[in-house]
């Protein structure tokens, strides 16, 4: 996987945005299954274990869930979204931009 542009984090998962033109699957593409809405947004899952692997828009990968990576991507959290509904026990790292809900466009 290449081309990580930004990282977002919520209480449920860390998600790295990627540039679709720079992203490619190195292996395992045959194990993907896809759910996509009529608006073109969706997710791809491992059909063997059910793990959510990435987000797609119009059949292009635009972000990957970092919990699925085998190696450290060597990036830092850029923003923390949906902090208004975070679990009481969750600790948000200092210095990370926070949004009560979704981040505004181009943030």
N, C-alpha and C. Protein backbone atom coordinates (compact mmCIF):
# COMPACT_ATOMS: atom_id res chain seq x y z
N UNK A 1 0.85 -1.16 0.00
CA UNK A 1 0.00 0.00 0.00
C UNK A 1 0.90 1.23 0.00
N UNK A 2 0.56 2.19 -0.84
CA UNK A 2 1.34 3.42 -0.93
C UNK A 2 0.41 4.61 -1.02
N UNK A 3 0.95 5.80 -0.82
CA UNK A 3 0.20 7.02 -1.05
C UNK A 3 -0.67 7.49 0.09
N UNK A 4 -0.36 7.19 1.35
CA UNK A 4 -1.16 7.68 2.47
C UNK A 4 -0.98 9.20 2.53
N UNK A 5 -2.09 9.93 2.54
CA UNK A 5 -2.03 11.38 2.55
C UNK A 5 -2.36 11.99 3.90
N UNK A 6 -3.30 11.43 4.63
CA UNK A 6 -3.69 11.96 5.95
C UNK A 6 -4.20 10.81 6.78
N UNK A 7 -4.23 11.02 8.09
CA UNK A 7 -4.79 10.00 8.98
C UNK A 7 -5.86 10.64 9.85
N UNK A 8 -6.96 9.93 10.02
CA UNK A 8 -8.04 10.35 10.89
C UNK A 8 -8.19 9.27 11.95
N UNK A 9 -8.69 9.68 13.11
CA UNK A 9 -8.92 8.69 14.15
C UNK A 9 -10.25 8.99 14.83
N UNK A 10 -10.99 7.96 15.14
CA UNK A 10 -12.19 8.06 15.96
C UNK A 10 -12.07 7.00 17.03
N UNK A 11 -13.04 6.93 17.95
CA UNK A 11 -12.90 5.94 19.01
C UNK A 11 -12.93 4.52 18.48
N UNK A 12 -13.45 4.33 17.29
CA UNK A 12 -13.59 2.97 16.77
C UNK A 12 -12.41 2.54 15.92
N UNK A 13 -11.81 3.47 15.18
CA UNK A 13 -10.75 3.02 14.29
C UNK A 13 -9.93 4.18 13.76
N UNK A 14 -8.70 3.88 13.43
CA UNK A 14 -7.84 4.85 12.76
C UNK A 14 -7.93 4.57 11.27
N UNK A 15 -8.02 5.63 10.50
CA UNK A 15 -8.29 5.53 9.07
C UNK A 15 -7.37 6.49 8.34
N UNK A 16 -6.61 6.01 7.39
CA UNK A 16 -5.69 6.86 6.63
C UNK A 16 -6.25 7.13 5.25
N UNK A 17 -6.33 8.41 4.90
CA UNK A 17 -6.75 8.78 3.56
C UNK A 17 -5.61 8.51 2.60
N UNK A 18 -5.94 8.07 1.42
CA UNK A 18 -4.92 7.79 0.40
C UNK A 18 -5.31 8.49 -0.90
N UNK A 19 -4.34 8.73 -1.73
CA UNK A 19 -4.59 9.24 -3.06
C UNK A 19 -4.92 8.05 -3.95
N UNK A 20 -6.15 7.96 -4.46
CA UNK A 20 -6.53 6.78 -5.24
C UNK A 20 -5.58 6.45 -6.39
N UNK A 21 -5.00 7.46 -7.01
CA UNK A 21 -4.11 7.19 -8.14
C UNK A 21 -2.77 6.60 -7.70
N UNK A 22 -2.45 6.71 -6.40
CA UNK A 22 -1.19 6.16 -5.89
C UNK A 22 -1.37 4.86 -5.11
N UNK A 23 -2.61 4.44 -4.91
CA UNK A 23 -2.88 3.24 -4.11
C UNK A 23 -2.95 2.01 -5.01
N UNK A 24 -2.40 0.91 -4.51
CA UNK A 24 -2.57 -0.37 -5.19
C UNK A 24 -2.48 -1.47 -4.15
N UNK A 25 -3.21 -2.56 -4.39
CA UNK A 25 -3.13 -3.73 -3.53
C UNK A 25 -1.89 -4.51 -3.92
N UNK A 26 -1.08 -4.86 -2.94
CA UNK A 26 0.13 -5.63 -3.20
C UNK A 26 -0.22 -7.12 -3.33
N UNK A 27 -1.16 -7.58 -2.52
CA UNK A 27 -1.62 -8.96 -2.60
C UNK A 27 -3.00 -9.04 -1.94
N UNK A 28 -3.68 -10.14 -2.15
CA UNK A 28 -4.95 -10.40 -1.49
C UNK A 28 -6.17 -9.79 -2.14
N UNK A 29 -6.02 -9.16 -3.29
CA UNK A 29 -7.16 -8.51 -3.94
C UNK A 29 -8.30 -9.50 -4.21
N UNK A 30 -7.96 -10.76 -4.43
CA UNK A 30 -8.98 -11.78 -4.70
C UNK A 30 -9.85 -12.07 -3.48
N UNK A 31 -9.43 -11.63 -2.29
CA UNK A 31 -10.20 -11.87 -1.07
C UNK A 31 -11.16 -10.73 -0.74
N UNK A 32 -11.19 -9.69 -1.56
CA UNK A 32 -12.04 -8.53 -1.28
C UNK A 32 -13.48 -8.79 -1.66
N UNK A 33 -14.37 -8.29 -0.85
CA UNK A 33 -15.78 -8.20 -1.19
C UNK A 33 -16.18 -6.76 -0.94
N UNK A 34 -17.13 -6.25 -1.70
CA UNK A 34 -17.44 -4.83 -1.68
C UNK A 34 -18.90 -4.58 -1.37
N UNK A 35 -19.14 -3.56 -0.54
CA UNK A 35 -20.48 -3.00 -0.35
C UNK A 35 -20.39 -1.55 -0.81
N UNK A 36 -21.25 -1.15 -1.72
CA UNK A 36 -21.28 0.24 -2.17
C UNK A 36 -22.73 0.73 -2.24
N UNK A 37 -22.93 1.97 -1.83
CA UNK A 37 -24.26 2.58 -1.88
C UNK A 37 -24.54 3.09 -3.29
N UNK A 38 -25.77 3.50 -3.53
CA UNK A 38 -26.12 4.06 -4.83
C UNK A 38 -25.38 5.37 -5.09
N UNK A 39 -24.94 6.04 -4.03
CA UNK A 39 -24.21 7.30 -4.19
C UNK A 39 -22.74 7.06 -4.51
N UNK A 40 -22.29 5.80 -4.51
CA UNK A 40 -20.92 5.49 -4.88
C UNK A 40 -19.96 5.29 -3.72
N UNK A 41 -20.40 5.57 -2.48
CA UNK A 41 -19.56 5.36 -1.30
C UNK A 41 -19.69 3.92 -0.83
N UNK A 42 -18.62 3.37 -0.28
CA UNK A 42 -18.72 2.01 0.21
C UNK A 42 -17.50 1.56 0.97
N UNK A 43 -17.47 0.28 1.28
CA UNK A 43 -16.38 -0.34 2.03
C UNK A 43 -15.98 -1.63 1.33
N UNK A 44 -14.73 -2.02 1.53
CA UNK A 44 -14.29 -3.33 1.08
C UNK A 44 -13.86 -4.12 2.30
N UNK A 45 -14.22 -5.40 2.31
CA UNK A 45 -13.98 -6.30 3.42
C UNK A 45 -13.19 -7.50 2.94
N UNK A 46 -12.51 -8.17 3.90
CA UNK A 46 -11.91 -9.46 3.61
C UNK A 46 -13.05 -10.49 3.64
N UNK A 47 -13.26 -11.19 2.56
CA UNK A 47 -14.37 -12.15 2.53
C UNK A 47 -14.08 -13.39 3.37
N UNK A 48 -12.83 -13.55 3.79
CA UNK A 48 -12.47 -14.71 4.61
C UNK A 48 -12.69 -14.44 6.09
N UNK A 49 -12.25 -13.26 6.59
CA UNK A 49 -12.36 -12.99 8.03
C UNK A 49 -13.36 -11.89 8.37
N UNK A 50 -13.80 -11.12 7.37
CA UNK A 50 -14.79 -10.06 7.60
C UNK A 50 -14.22 -8.72 8.00
N UNK A 51 -12.90 -8.58 8.10
CA UNK A 51 -12.30 -7.30 8.49
C UNK A 51 -12.57 -6.22 7.45
N UNK A 52 -12.91 -5.01 7.93
CA UNK A 52 -13.04 -3.87 7.03
C UNK A 52 -11.63 -3.41 6.66
N UNK A 53 -11.34 -3.35 5.38
CA UNK A 53 -10.00 -3.02 4.92
C UNK A 53 -9.87 -1.60 4.39
N UNK A 54 -10.90 -1.11 3.71
CA UNK A 54 -10.77 0.22 3.13
C UNK A 54 -12.13 0.82 2.82
N UNK A 55 -12.10 2.13 2.57
CA UNK A 55 -13.27 2.85 2.10
C UNK A 55 -13.09 3.12 0.62
N UNK A 56 -14.20 3.08 -0.11
CA UNK A 56 -14.13 3.34 -1.54
C UNK A 56 -15.13 4.42 -1.93
N UNK A 57 -14.85 5.05 -3.03
CA UNK A 57 -15.80 5.97 -3.66
C UNK A 57 -15.70 5.74 -5.16
N UNK A 58 -16.82 5.44 -5.78
CA UNK A 58 -16.88 5.14 -7.21
C UNK A 58 -15.82 4.11 -7.60
N UNK A 59 -15.74 3.05 -6.81
CA UNK A 59 -14.87 1.89 -7.04
C UNK A 59 -13.37 2.16 -6.89
N UNK A 60 -13.00 3.31 -6.33
CA UNK A 60 -11.59 3.60 -6.07
C UNK A 60 -11.36 3.67 -4.57
N UNK A 61 -10.25 3.10 -4.10
CA UNK A 61 -9.90 3.16 -2.69
C UNK A 61 -9.51 4.59 -2.35
N UNK A 62 -10.13 5.14 -1.29
CA UNK A 62 -9.76 6.50 -0.86
C UNK A 62 -9.22 6.52 0.56
N UNK A 63 -9.27 5.39 1.26
CA UNK A 63 -8.73 5.32 2.61
C UNK A 63 -8.65 3.89 3.10
N UNK A 64 -7.74 3.64 4.01
CA UNK A 64 -7.56 2.30 4.55
C UNK A 64 -7.66 2.33 6.08
N UNK A 65 -8.20 1.25 6.64
CA UNK A 65 -8.24 1.13 8.10
C UNK A 65 -6.88 0.66 8.57
N UNK A 66 -6.29 1.38 9.49
CA UNK A 66 -4.91 1.10 9.91
C UNK A 66 -4.79 -0.12 10.80
N UNK A 67 -5.88 -0.58 11.39
CA UNK A 67 -5.83 -1.78 12.21
C UNK A 67 -5.52 -3.03 11.41
N UNK A 68 -5.59 -2.95 10.11
CA UNK A 68 -5.32 -4.10 9.25
C UNK A 68 -3.88 -4.16 8.75
N UNK A 69 -3.11 -3.14 9.03
CA UNK A 69 -1.73 -3.11 8.53
C UNK A 69 -0.83 -4.03 9.33
N UNK A 70 0.10 -4.66 8.64
CA UNK A 70 1.08 -5.53 9.31
C UNK A 70 2.26 -4.75 9.86
N UNK A 71 2.55 -3.59 9.29
CA UNK A 71 3.70 -2.81 9.69
C UNK A 71 3.28 -1.41 10.12
N UNK A 72 4.14 -0.73 10.85
CA UNK A 72 3.91 0.64 11.27
C UNK A 72 3.95 1.54 10.03
N UNK A 73 2.88 2.31 9.76
CA UNK A 73 2.88 3.16 8.58
C UNK A 73 3.73 4.42 8.75
N UNK A 74 4.26 4.63 9.96
CA UNK A 74 5.13 5.77 10.25
C UNK A 74 4.46 7.11 9.92
N UNK A 75 3.22 7.25 10.37
CA UNK A 75 2.48 8.50 10.25
C UNK A 75 1.85 8.81 11.59
N UNK A 76 1.46 10.07 11.80
CA UNK A 76 0.84 10.48 13.06
C UNK A 76 -0.62 10.85 12.81
N UNK A 77 -1.42 10.81 13.87
CA UNK A 77 -2.82 11.19 13.78
C UNK A 77 -2.92 12.66 13.41
N UNK A 78 -3.69 12.97 12.37
CA UNK A 78 -3.86 14.34 11.92
C UNK A 78 -5.10 15.00 12.49
N UNK A 79 -6.12 14.21 12.82
CA UNK A 79 -7.34 14.75 13.41
C UNK A 79 -8.12 13.63 14.08
N UNK A 80 -8.93 14.02 15.03
CA UNK A 80 -9.75 13.06 15.77
C UNK A 80 -11.19 13.50 15.58
N UNK A 81 -12.01 12.64 14.92
CA UNK A 81 -13.38 13.03 14.59
C UNK A 81 -14.39 12.34 15.53
N UNK A 82 -15.56 12.92 15.61
CA UNK A 82 -16.68 12.43 16.42
C UNK A 82 -16.34 12.36 17.91
N UNK A 83 -15.57 13.34 18.39
CA UNK A 83 -15.23 13.33 19.82
C UNK A 83 -16.43 13.65 20.68
N UNK A 84 -17.47 14.23 20.12
CA UNK A 84 -18.69 14.52 20.87
C UNK A 84 -19.42 13.27 21.34
N UNK A 85 -19.13 12.14 20.72
CA UNK A 85 -19.79 10.91 21.12
C UNK A 85 -18.78 9.82 21.51
N UNK A 86 -17.59 10.24 21.89
CA UNK A 86 -16.56 9.27 22.27
C UNK A 86 -16.90 8.61 23.60
N UNK A 87 -16.32 7.46 23.82
CA UNK A 87 -16.50 6.77 25.11
C UNK A 87 -15.83 7.59 26.22
N UNK A 88 -16.40 7.57 27.41
CA UNK A 88 -15.84 8.35 28.53
C UNK A 88 -14.43 7.93 28.87
N UNK A 89 -14.09 6.68 28.64
CA UNK A 89 -12.76 6.18 29.00
C UNK A 89 -11.70 6.48 27.95
N UNK A 90 -12.12 6.93 26.77
CA UNK A 90 -11.15 7.17 25.70
C UNK A 90 -10.33 8.42 25.98
N UNK A 91 -9.02 8.30 25.81
CA UNK A 91 -8.10 9.43 26.00
C UNK A 91 -7.65 9.91 24.62
N UNK A 92 -7.89 11.18 24.34
CA UNK A 92 -7.50 11.74 23.06
C UNK A 92 -6.09 12.32 23.19
N UNK A 93 -5.19 11.98 22.28
CA UNK A 93 -3.82 12.50 22.37
C UNK A 93 -3.79 14.03 22.33
N UNK A 94 -2.92 14.62 23.10
CA UNK A 94 -2.75 16.06 23.14
C UNK A 94 -2.23 16.57 21.81
N UNK A 95 -2.69 17.75 21.41
CA UNK A 95 -2.18 18.37 20.21
C UNK A 95 -2.82 17.91 18.90
N UNK A 96 -3.78 16.98 18.97
CA UNK A 96 -4.44 16.50 17.76
C UNK A 96 -5.72 17.31 17.56
N UNK A 97 -5.94 17.82 16.36
CA UNK A 97 -7.14 18.57 16.04
C UNK A 97 -8.36 17.69 16.27
N UNK A 98 -9.38 18.26 16.93
CA UNK A 98 -10.58 17.50 17.28
C UNK A 98 -11.82 18.12 16.65
N UNK A 99 -12.76 17.27 16.27
CA UNK A 99 -14.05 17.71 15.74
C UNK A 99 -15.15 16.96 16.49
N UNK A 100 -16.18 17.70 16.91
CA UNK A 100 -17.29 17.09 17.62
C UNK A 100 -17.99 16.03 16.77
N UNK A 101 -18.07 16.30 15.49
CA UNK A 101 -18.66 15.35 14.55
C UNK A 101 -17.69 15.16 13.40
N UNK A 102 -18.20 15.15 12.19
CA UNK A 102 -17.36 14.96 11.01
C UNK A 102 -16.50 16.21 10.79
N UNK A 103 -15.33 16.05 10.22
CA UNK A 103 -14.47 17.19 9.89
C UNK A 103 -15.08 17.96 8.73
N UNK A 104 -14.89 19.29 8.72
CA UNK A 104 -15.40 20.06 7.58
C UNK A 104 -14.65 19.69 6.29
N UNK A 105 -15.24 20.02 5.16
CA UNK A 105 -14.60 19.76 3.86
C UNK A 105 -13.21 20.39 3.85
N UNK A 106 -12.27 19.71 3.25
CA UNK A 106 -10.89 20.19 3.07
C UNK A 106 -10.16 20.46 4.37
N UNK A 107 -10.58 19.81 5.45
CA UNK A 107 -9.88 20.01 6.74
C UNK A 107 -8.84 18.95 6.94
